[in-house]
């Protein structure tokens, strides 16, 4: 049976931004034959001396070998090289996996002219298959040497697996009167339910920010962006989100920032949040087999944390997601998802809306319910599902997508 290759998601952005160069960052891609022949599958990023780094990673109890490697190196706060491969996750590979990351770091450090403790690694693809790191021997020297400042789109394409389009975003901010740039890329379409991180995402800036401050910014920023996305409720073994700051803008007069609470970071913080939010939404738009982007909003909960758990219950429900795929305004499935969340809820206070059409109110169908109006909302590409619990002031928002037959087709033969 031929492998199913999904078409580009109909939810893909209509335009792709041109990412400007960032001083101190060079990018290059290569074909190493990690899993498939004739396919770009390696990204090598060179980083200027003095680059600081922050990262958040999966909370899975079965993390990949690259995640363990990055966690260990993050304590040093410095980065000179990033190597990412697609096709093989190097997860659940035991001693062989640890040996593979060590060899990859050794080859990369030599190619980039840095210490192994300044090399960061990420892998995406099939779980459980050993990664042959000797394949890097033939490509990394030349790849780092060929690095250019304008290869952002090719870099995003190199780390794709079941993604149907590359995901990039950019923003600028003023830091002490000096313009700094933030560029980011991400990959992810399935096995998406981040827990303190995301699929794979790498963000770069020329702002001079010390590692502790950078870490605080990233850890906070991820909570309302990547950690509010779910495609299929499955958290990956390889979730990695890293932020690199070359500090090159200091040469143009940008002040060095040591504390995340520094008021001069206000514009930067807003721009970083915009890049993270943009990338997170693109991941939801590229959910495997997706035809609809869904915003789940819960309000009136006893707390924000409770609202989030209810929103995740709705967004993760296969029954809710298949109803949306079938353009069926089936609020009964939303009622089910609210009731099973294990959070405070009262049937006779619950109201549900699809878009701006309230379909259920105070425990029963809304008296003014209009089937035609509700059906018209469900035919849209972007749908908001709102559940008002009527208990308090807690609110939350989660992004997801519908669940279609294509999701099964993509994942039914993913490993073969």
Protein backbone atom coordinates (compact mmCIF):
# COMPACT_ATOMS: atom_id res chain seq x y z
CA UNK A 1 0.00 0.00 0.00
CA UNK A 2 1.40 3.40 -0.97
CA UNK A 3 2.26 5.73 1.89
CA UNK A 4 -0.31 8.49 2.36
CA UNK A 5 1.17 11.92 1.71
CA UNK A 6 -1.16 14.67 2.93
CA UNK A 7 -1.70 17.78 0.83
CA UNK A 8 -0.78 21.19 2.20
CA UNK A 9 -3.19 22.07 4.97
CA UNK A 10 -6.06 24.30 3.81
CA UNK A 11 -5.42 26.26 7.03
CA UNK A 12 -1.85 27.14 6.04
CA UNK A 13 -1.03 30.87 6.16
CA UNK A 14 -1.68 32.58 2.82
CA UNK A 15 1.64 34.43 3.00
CA UNK A 16 5.03 33.52 4.44
CA UNK A 17 7.10 36.27 6.08
CA UNK A 18 10.63 36.96 4.90
CA UNK A 19 12.85 36.56 7.93
CA UNK A 20 15.72 39.07 8.04
CA UNK A 21 19.27 38.06 8.97
CA UNK A 22 20.21 38.09 12.64
CA UNK A 23 23.80 39.01 13.40
CA UNK A 24 25.59 36.04 14.88
CA UNK A 25 23.33 33.35 13.36
CA UNK A 26 24.16 31.26 10.28
CA UNK A 27 22.04 28.43 8.91
CA UNK A 28 22.64 25.58 6.50
CA UNK A 29 20.93 22.31 5.64
CA UNK A 30 22.11 18.97 4.29
CA UNK A 31 21.06 15.49 3.21
CA UNK A 32 22.54 12.92 5.58
CA UNK A 33 20.23 10.02 4.77
CA UNK A 34 19.06 9.74 8.37
CA UNK A 35 15.91 7.86 7.29
CA UNK A 36 15.17 8.67 3.66
CA UNK A 37 17.41 9.16 0.66
CA UNK A 38 17.30 12.35 -1.37
CA UNK A 39 15.69 14.41 1.36
CA UNK A 40 17.07 17.35 3.32
CA UNK A 41 17.12 16.11 6.90
CA UNK A 42 19.78 18.02 8.82
CA UNK A 43 19.88 21.62 10.01
CA UNK A 44 23.11 23.13 11.33
CA UNK A 45 22.98 26.54 13.02
CA UNK A 46 26.17 28.39 13.86
CA UNK A 47 26.02 30.87 16.74
CA UNK A 48 28.44 33.67 17.56
CA UNK A 49 30.69 33.44 20.58
CA UNK A 50 28.91 34.72 23.67
CA UNK A 51 25.44 33.57 22.58
CA UNK A 52 23.21 32.88 25.58
CA UNK A 53 20.57 30.16 25.60
CA UNK A 54 17.33 29.18 27.31
CA UNK A 55 15.14 26.16 26.84
CA UNK A 56 12.06 24.26 27.95
CA UNK A 57 11.54 20.58 27.29
CA UNK A 58 9.00 17.81 27.46
CA UNK A 59 7.87 16.56 30.85
CA UNK A 60 7.43 13.09 29.40
CA UNK A 61 8.93 10.41 31.62
CA UNK A 62 10.38 8.85 28.46
CA UNK A 63 12.41 11.77 27.04
CA UNK A 64 14.64 11.41 24.02
CA UNK A 65 18.44 11.28 24.26
CA UNK A 66 18.78 14.79 22.71
CA UNK A 67 16.44 16.22 25.37
CA UNK A 68 18.65 14.78 28.10
CA UNK A 69 21.72 16.22 26.37
CA UNK A 70 20.23 19.70 26.07
CA UNK A 71 19.04 19.75 29.67
CA UNK A 72 22.54 18.96 30.84
CA UNK A 73 24.17 21.64 28.67
CA UNK A 74 21.59 24.31 29.44
CA UNK A 75 23.15 24.91 32.84
CA UNK A 76 26.19 26.44 31.12
CA UNK A 77 24.00 29.15 29.58
CA UNK A 78 26.12 29.39 26.40
CA UNK A 79 25.61 28.06 22.88
CA UNK A 80 27.70 27.98 19.71
CA UNK A 81 25.96 25.32 17.62
CA UNK A 82 22.57 23.71 17.10
CA UNK A 83 22.09 20.50 15.11
CA UNK A 84 18.62 19.22 14.29
CA UNK A 85 17.66 16.15 12.31
CA UNK A 86 14.35 14.83 11.02
CA UNK A 87 13.37 11.23 10.29
CA UNK A 88 14.58 9.73 13.57
CA UNK A 89 13.69 10.94 17.08
CA UNK A 90 16.56 9.09 18.81
CA UNK A 91 14.07 8.32 21.58
CA UNK A 92 13.73 5.03 23.46
CA UNK A 93 17.12 4.04 22.08
CA UNK A 94 18.93 3.33 25.37
CA UNK A 95 22.72 3.30 25.44
CA UNK A 96 22.87 3.58 21.66
CA UNK A 97 20.93 6.81 21.85
CA UNK A 98 23.27 8.30 24.41
CA UNK A 99 26.27 7.28 22.33
CA UNK A 100 24.67 8.82 19.24
CA UNK A 101 24.20 12.25 20.84
CA UNK A 102 27.73 12.18 22.23
CA UNK A 103 29.16 11.39 18.81
CA UNK A 104 26.95 13.99 17.12
CA UNK A 105 28.11 16.64 19.60
CA UNK A 106 31.74 15.68 19.07
CA UNK A 107 31.43 15.98 15.28
CA UNK A 108 29.47 19.24 15.56
CA UNK A 109 31.89 20.80 18.05
CA UNK A 110 34.80 20.09 15.74
CA UNK A 111 32.92 21.50 12.75
CA UNK A 112 31.77 24.62 14.59
CA UNK A 113 35.01 25.19 16.49
CA UNK A 114 33.50 25.07 19.96
CA UNK A 115 33.17 22.93 23.07
CA UNK A 116 30.73 20.03 23.17
CA UNK A 117 29.02 21.71 26.13
CA UNK A 118 28.06 24.54 23.73
CA UNK A 119 26.38 22.18 21.25
CA UNK A 120 22.61 21.66 21.42
CA UNK A 121 20.80 18.84 19.65
CA UNK A 122 17.25 17.94 18.68
CA UNK A 123 15.78 15.05 16.74
CA UNK A 124 12.31 14.34 15.37
CA UNK A 125 10.82 11.34 13.65
CA UNK A 126 10.34 7.67 14.43
CA UNK A 127 10.71 6.53 18.06
CA UNK A 128 12.67 3.42 18.94
CA UNK A 129 15.01 3.23 15.96
CA UNK A 130 18.76 3.73 16.65
CA UNK A 131 20.23 6.84 15.03
CA UNK A 132 23.43 6.29 13.05
CA UNK A 133 25.37 9.39 14.04
CA UNK A 134 28.33 8.41 11.83
CA UNK A 135 26.29 9.85 8.96
CA UNK A 136 27.04 13.31 10.33
CA UNK A 137 30.76 12.80 9.66
CA UNK A 138 30.22 13.29 5.96
CA UNK A 139 28.08 16.42 6.15
CA UNK A 140 28.59 18.61 9.23
CA UNK A 141 31.99 20.08 8.35
CA UNK A 142 30.71 21.33 5.03
CA UNK A 143 27.31 22.30 6.39
CA UNK A 144 28.61 24.60 9.12
CA UNK A 145 31.11 26.07 6.65
CA UNK A 146 28.28 26.80 4.19
CA UNK A 147 26.13 28.57 6.77
CA UNK A 148 24.38 31.74 5.61
CA UNK A 149 22.39 34.40 7.38
CA UNK A 150 19.32 34.15 5.13
CA UNK A 151 18.46 30.46 5.06
CA UNK A 152 15.45 30.59 7.38
CA UNK A 153 12.80 28.98 5.18
CA UNK A 154 15.10 26.15 4.09
CA UNK A 155 15.96 25.60 7.76
CA UNK A 156 12.29 25.30 8.68
CA UNK A 157 11.72 22.83 5.85
CA UNK A 158 14.65 20.65 6.92
CA UNK A 159 13.09 19.83 10.30
CA UNK A 160 9.64 18.90 8.96
CA UNK A 161 8.21 15.38 9.33
CA UNK A 162 4.45 15.11 8.70
CA UNK A 163 4.21 18.92 8.54
CA UNK A 164 2.62 20.14 5.32
CA UNK A 165 4.20 23.61 5.41
CA UNK A 166 7.24 25.25 7.05
CA UNK A 167 6.46 27.40 10.08
CA UNK A 168 8.34 30.68 10.57
CA UNK A 169 7.66 33.99 12.31
CA UNK A 170 9.49 37.25 12.93
CA UNK A 171 9.12 40.44 14.95
CA UNK A 172 11.16 43.45 16.00
CA UNK A 173 11.32 45.44 19.22
CA UNK A 174 13.08 48.44 20.64
CA UNK A 175 15.62 47.77 23.37
CA UNK A 176 17.14 50.92 24.81
CA UNK A 177 16.29 52.75 21.60
CA UNK A 178 17.95 50.10 19.41
CA UNK A 179 15.91 47.83 17.12
CA UNK A 180 16.42 44.13 17.83
CA UNK A 181 15.03 41.22 15.81
CA UNK A 182 13.39 37.96 16.85
CA UNK A 183 13.10 35.09 14.34
CA UNK A 184 11.55 31.72 15.02
CA UNK A 185 10.76 28.41 13.37
CA UNK A 186 8.79 25.38 14.50
CA UNK A 187 7.80 21.93 13.37
CA UNK A 188 4.89 19.85 14.52
CA UNK A 189 1.65 18.40 13.23
CA UNK A 190 0.99 15.26 15.27
CA UNK A 191 1.79 13.96 18.76
CA UNK A 192 1.00 17.49 19.88
CA UNK A 193 0.02 18.28 23.46
CA UNK A 194 2.97 20.25 24.83
CA UNK A 195 3.82 20.15 28.50
CA UNK A 196 6.21 23.02 29.33
CA UNK A 197 7.60 22.93 25.78
CA UNK A 198 6.59 22.25 22.23
CA UNK A 199 7.30 19.88 19.39
CA UNK A 200 10.51 21.41 18.04
CA UNK A 201 10.89 25.17 17.96
CA UNK A 202 13.94 27.40 17.79
CA UNK A 203 13.89 31.15 18.32
CA UNK A 204 16.80 33.54 17.78
CA UNK A 205 17.48 37.18 18.62
CA UNK A 206 20.38 39.63 18.50
CA UNK A 207 19.33 41.18 21.82
CA UNK A 208 21.98 41.09 24.59
CA UNK A 209 20.14 39.22 27.34
CA UNK A 210 21.80 37.10 30.02
CA UNK A 211 20.79 33.44 30.21
CA UNK A 212 18.80 33.61 33.50
CA UNK A 213 16.68 36.49 32.19
CA UNK A 214 16.25 34.73 28.85
CA UNK A 215 15.09 31.59 30.63
CA UNK A 216 12.54 33.49 32.69
CA UNK A 217 11.12 35.14 29.57
CA UNK A 218 10.81 31.84 27.74
CA UNK A 219 9.34 29.89 30.65
CA UNK A 220 6.63 32.49 31.09
CA UNK A 221 5.98 32.96 27.39
CA UNK A 222 5.35 29.29 26.71
CA UNK A 223 2.49 29.04 29.19
CA UNK A 224 0.00 31.02 27.12
CA UNK A 225 1.26 29.99 23.69
CA UNK A 226 2.66 26.54 22.95
CA UNK A 227 1.27 25.00 26.12
CA UNK A 228 -2.26 25.93 25.04
CA UNK A 229 -2.10 23.88 21.81
CA UNK A 230 -3.33 20.32 21.44
CA UNK A 231 -3.78 18.35 18.23
CA UNK A 232 -4.29 14.84 19.55
CA UNK A 233 -3.61 14.99 23.34
CA UNK A 234 -0.27 13.15 22.99
CA UNK A 235 2.84 14.76 24.48
CA UNK A 236 5.99 13.94 22.51
CA UNK A 237 9.15 12.41 23.93
CA UNK A 238 11.13 15.05 22.05
CA UNK A 239 9.39 18.37 22.80
CA UNK A 240 12.04 21.08 22.68
CA UNK A 241 11.77 24.86 22.57
CA UNK A 242 14.99 26.87 22.68
CA UNK A 243 15.75 30.59 22.61
CA UNK A 244 19.19 31.85 21.58
CA UNK A 245 20.42 35.44 22.04
CA UNK A 246 23.61 36.36 20.19
CA UNK A 247 23.91 39.77 21.88
CA UNK A 248 25.12 41.32 18.61
CA UNK A 249 22.85 44.33 19.05
CA UNK A 250 25.11 45.50 21.89
CA UNK A 251 27.55 46.73 19.25
CA UNK A 252 24.79 49.09 18.08
CA UNK A 253 24.15 50.41 21.58
CA UNK A 254 21.54 48.00 22.95
CA UNK A 255 21.91 47.62 26.73
CA UNK A 256 22.77 44.24 28.22
CA UNK A 257 19.85 42.92 30.25
CA UNK A 258 20.50 40.83 33.35
CA UNK A 259 17.04 40.67 34.91
CA UNK A 260 13.74 39.55 33.33
CA UNK A 261 11.95 42.23 35.37
CA UNK A 262 13.96 45.03 33.67
CA UNK A 263 11.42 47.56 32.38
CA UNK A 264 13.44 48.04 29.21
CA UNK A 265 12.31 44.55 28.18
CA UNK A 266 8.64 45.53 27.79
CA UNK A 267 8.77 45.77 24.00
CA UNK A 268 10.96 42.71 23.64
CA UNK A 269 8.67 40.66 25.86
CA UNK A 270 5.66 41.62 23.73
CA UNK A 271 7.49 40.80 20.48
CA UNK A 272 8.70 37.46 21.81
CA UNK A 273 5.16 36.60 22.89
CA UNK A 274 3.92 37.46 19.38
CA UNK A 275 6.46 35.14 17.74
CA UNK A 276 5.67 32.26 20.10
CA UNK A 277 1.92 32.74 19.63
CA UNK A 278 2.28 32.88 15.84
CA UNK A 279 4.30 29.66 15.73
CA UNK A 280 1.92 27.90 18.12
CA UNK A 281 -1.09 28.77 15.97
CA UNK A 282 0.69 27.55 12.85
CA UNK A 283 1.22 24.19 14.56
CA UNK A 284 -2.50 23.96 15.32
CA UNK A 285 -3.31 24.94 11.72
CA UNK A 286 -1.11 22.09 10.49
CA UNK A 287 -2.59 19.43 12.78
CA UNK A 288 -2.46 16.13 10.93
CA UNK A 289 -5.45 15.92 8.60
CA UNK A 290 -6.90 19.17 9.96
CA UNK A 291 -9.52 21.11 8.04
CA UNK A 292 -10.63 23.44 10.82
CA UNK A 293 -8.81 25.51 13.44
CA UNK A 294 -10.68 25.48 16.73
CA UNK A 295 -10.42 27.94 19.64
CA UNK A 296 -11.88 26.48 22.83
CA UNK A 297 -12.77 29.17 25.38
CA UNK A 298 -13.86 28.37 28.91
CA UNK A 299 -15.05 31.09 31.26
CA UNK A 300 -16.93 31.26 34.51
CA UNK A 301 -14.75 28.58 36.11
CA UNK A 302 -13.70 28.60 39.76
CA UNK A 303 -10.09 29.40 38.72
CA UNK A 304 -7.95 29.85 35.64
CA UNK A 305 -6.30 26.49 36.26
CA UNK A 306 -9.68 24.78 36.46
CA UNK A 307 -10.81 26.55 33.28
CA UNK A 308 -7.70 25.32 31.47
CA UNK A 309 -8.34 21.72 32.46
CA UNK A 310 -11.92 21.94 31.23
CA UNK A 311 -10.80 23.56 27.98
CA UNK A 312 -8.24 20.77 27.43
CA UNK A 313 -10.93 18.17 28.08
CA UNK A 314 -13.07 19.72 25.34
CA UNK A 315 -10.18 20.24 22.92
CA UNK A 316 -8.83 16.70 23.41
CA UNK A 317 -12.17 14.94 23.00
CA UNK A 318 -12.29 12.78 19.83
CA UNK A 319 -16.08 13.09 19.85
CA UNK A 320 -15.98 16.89 19.95
CA UNK A 321 -13.30 16.99 17.27
CA UNK A 322 -15.09 14.58 14.91
CA UNK A 323 -18.34 16.50 15.31
CA UNK A 324 -16.50 19.65 14.25
CA UNK A 325 -14.99 17.76 11.30
CA UNK A 326 -18.54 16.78 10.29
CA UNK A 327 -19.70 20.40 10.73
CA UNK A 328 -22.21 19.22 13.33
CA UNK A 329 -23.16 21.68 16.09
CA UNK A 330 -23.38 18.82 18.58
CA UNK A 331 -23.25 20.62 21.92
CA UNK A 332 -24.00 17.36 23.72
CA UNK A 333 -20.42 16.32 23.11
CA UNK A 334 -19.18 19.54 24.68
CA UNK A 335 -21.42 18.87 27.69
CA UNK A 336 -19.84 15.42 27.94
CA UNK A 337 -16.31 16.85 27.82
CA UNK A 338 -17.09 19.43 30.50
CA UNK A 339 -18.65 16.80 32.74
CA UNK A 340 -15.75 14.35 32.51
CA UNK A 341 -13.02 16.94 33.18
CA UNK A 342 -13.14 16.33 36.93
CA UNK A 343 -13.44 20.06 37.63
CA UNK A 344 -16.21 21.96 39.43
CA UNK A 345 -19.21 22.32 37.09
CA UNK A 346 -22.96 22.49 37.50
CA UNK A 347 -25.19 21.21 34.75
CA UNK A 348 -27.89 23.84 35.25
CA UNK A 349 -25.45 26.76 35.05
CA UNK A 350 -23.67 25.63 31.90
CA UNK A 351 -23.99 27.60 28.65
CA UNK A 352 -22.38 26.63 25.33
CA UNK A 353 -21.83 28.64 22.17
CA UNK A 354 -20.46 27.91 18.71
CA UNK A 355 -19.11 31.19 17.39
CA UNK A 356 -21.59 33.86 18.46
CA UNK A 357 -24.53 31.43 18.42
CA UNK A 358 -25.54 30.25 21.87
CA UNK A 359 -26.82 26.71 21.49
CA UNK A 360 -27.31 25.68 25.13
CA UNK A 361 -28.11 27.68 28.24
CA UNK A 362 -28.63 26.80 31.90
CA UNK A 363 -28.61 23.08 31.40
CA UNK A 364 -30.74 22.73 28.26
CA UNK A 365 -31.03 23.74 24.62
CA UNK A 366 -31.18 27.50 24.22
CA UNK A 367 -34.80 28.66 23.72
CA UNK A 368 -33.70 30.79 20.77
CA UNK A 369 -31.66 28.00 19.14
CA UNK A 370 -31.47 28.30 15.35
CA UNK A 371 -30.20 25.17 13.57
CA UNK A 372 -29.42 27.03 10.33
CA UNK A 373 -27.38 29.70 12.12
CA UNK A 374 -25.42 27.10 14.09
CA UNK A 375 -24.74 25.07 10.94
CA UNK A 376 -23.43 28.16 9.17
CA UNK A 377 -20.87 28.68 11.98
CA UNK A 378 -19.70 25.06 11.74
CA UNK A 379 -18.91 25.42 8.04
CA UNK A 380 -16.25 28.06 8.74
CA UNK A 381 -12.51 27.27 8.66
CA UNK A 382 -11.97 28.84 12.10
CA UNK A 383 -14.46 28.06 14.86
CA UNK A 384 -14.70 29.18 18.49
CA UNK A 385 -16.36 26.87 21.01
CA UNK A 386 -17.24 28.61 24.28
CA UNK A 387 -18.32 26.97 27.53
CA UNK A 388 -19.47 29.29 30.31
CA UNK A 389 -19.59 27.37 33.61
CA UNK A 390 -21.27 30.19 35.51
CA UNK A 391 -19.34 29.51 38.71
CA UNK A 392 -16.59 32.12 38.98
CA UNK A 393 -14.14 34.30 37.10
CA UNK A 394 -11.66 31.69 35.83
CA UNK A 395 -10.92 31.74 32.10
CA UNK A 396 -8.74 29.82 29.66
CA UNK A 397 -8.22 29.40 25.94
CA UNK A 398 -6.88 26.33 24.12
CA UNK A 399 -6.21 25.88 20.39
CA UNK A 400 -6.90 22.63 18.60
CA UNK A 401 -8.15 21.30 15.27
CA UNK A 402 -10.74 18.85 14.03
CA UNK A 403 -10.16 15.10 13.73
CA UNK A 404 -10.54 13.68 10.23
CA UNK A 405 -10.01 10.41 8.39
CA UNK A 406 -6.69 11.77 7.13
CA UNK A 407 -5.31 11.74 10.70
CA UNK A 408 -5.80 7.97 10.76
CA UNK A 409 -4.30 7.58 7.27
CA UNK A 410 -1.20 9.60 8.19
CA UNK A 411 -0.56 7.75 11.45
CA UNK A 412 -1.62 4.30 10.33
CA UNK A 413 1.52 3.91 8.22
CA UNK A 414 3.83 6.47 9.86
CA UNK A 415 6.54 3.97 10.80
CA UNK A 416 6.33 1.78 7.69
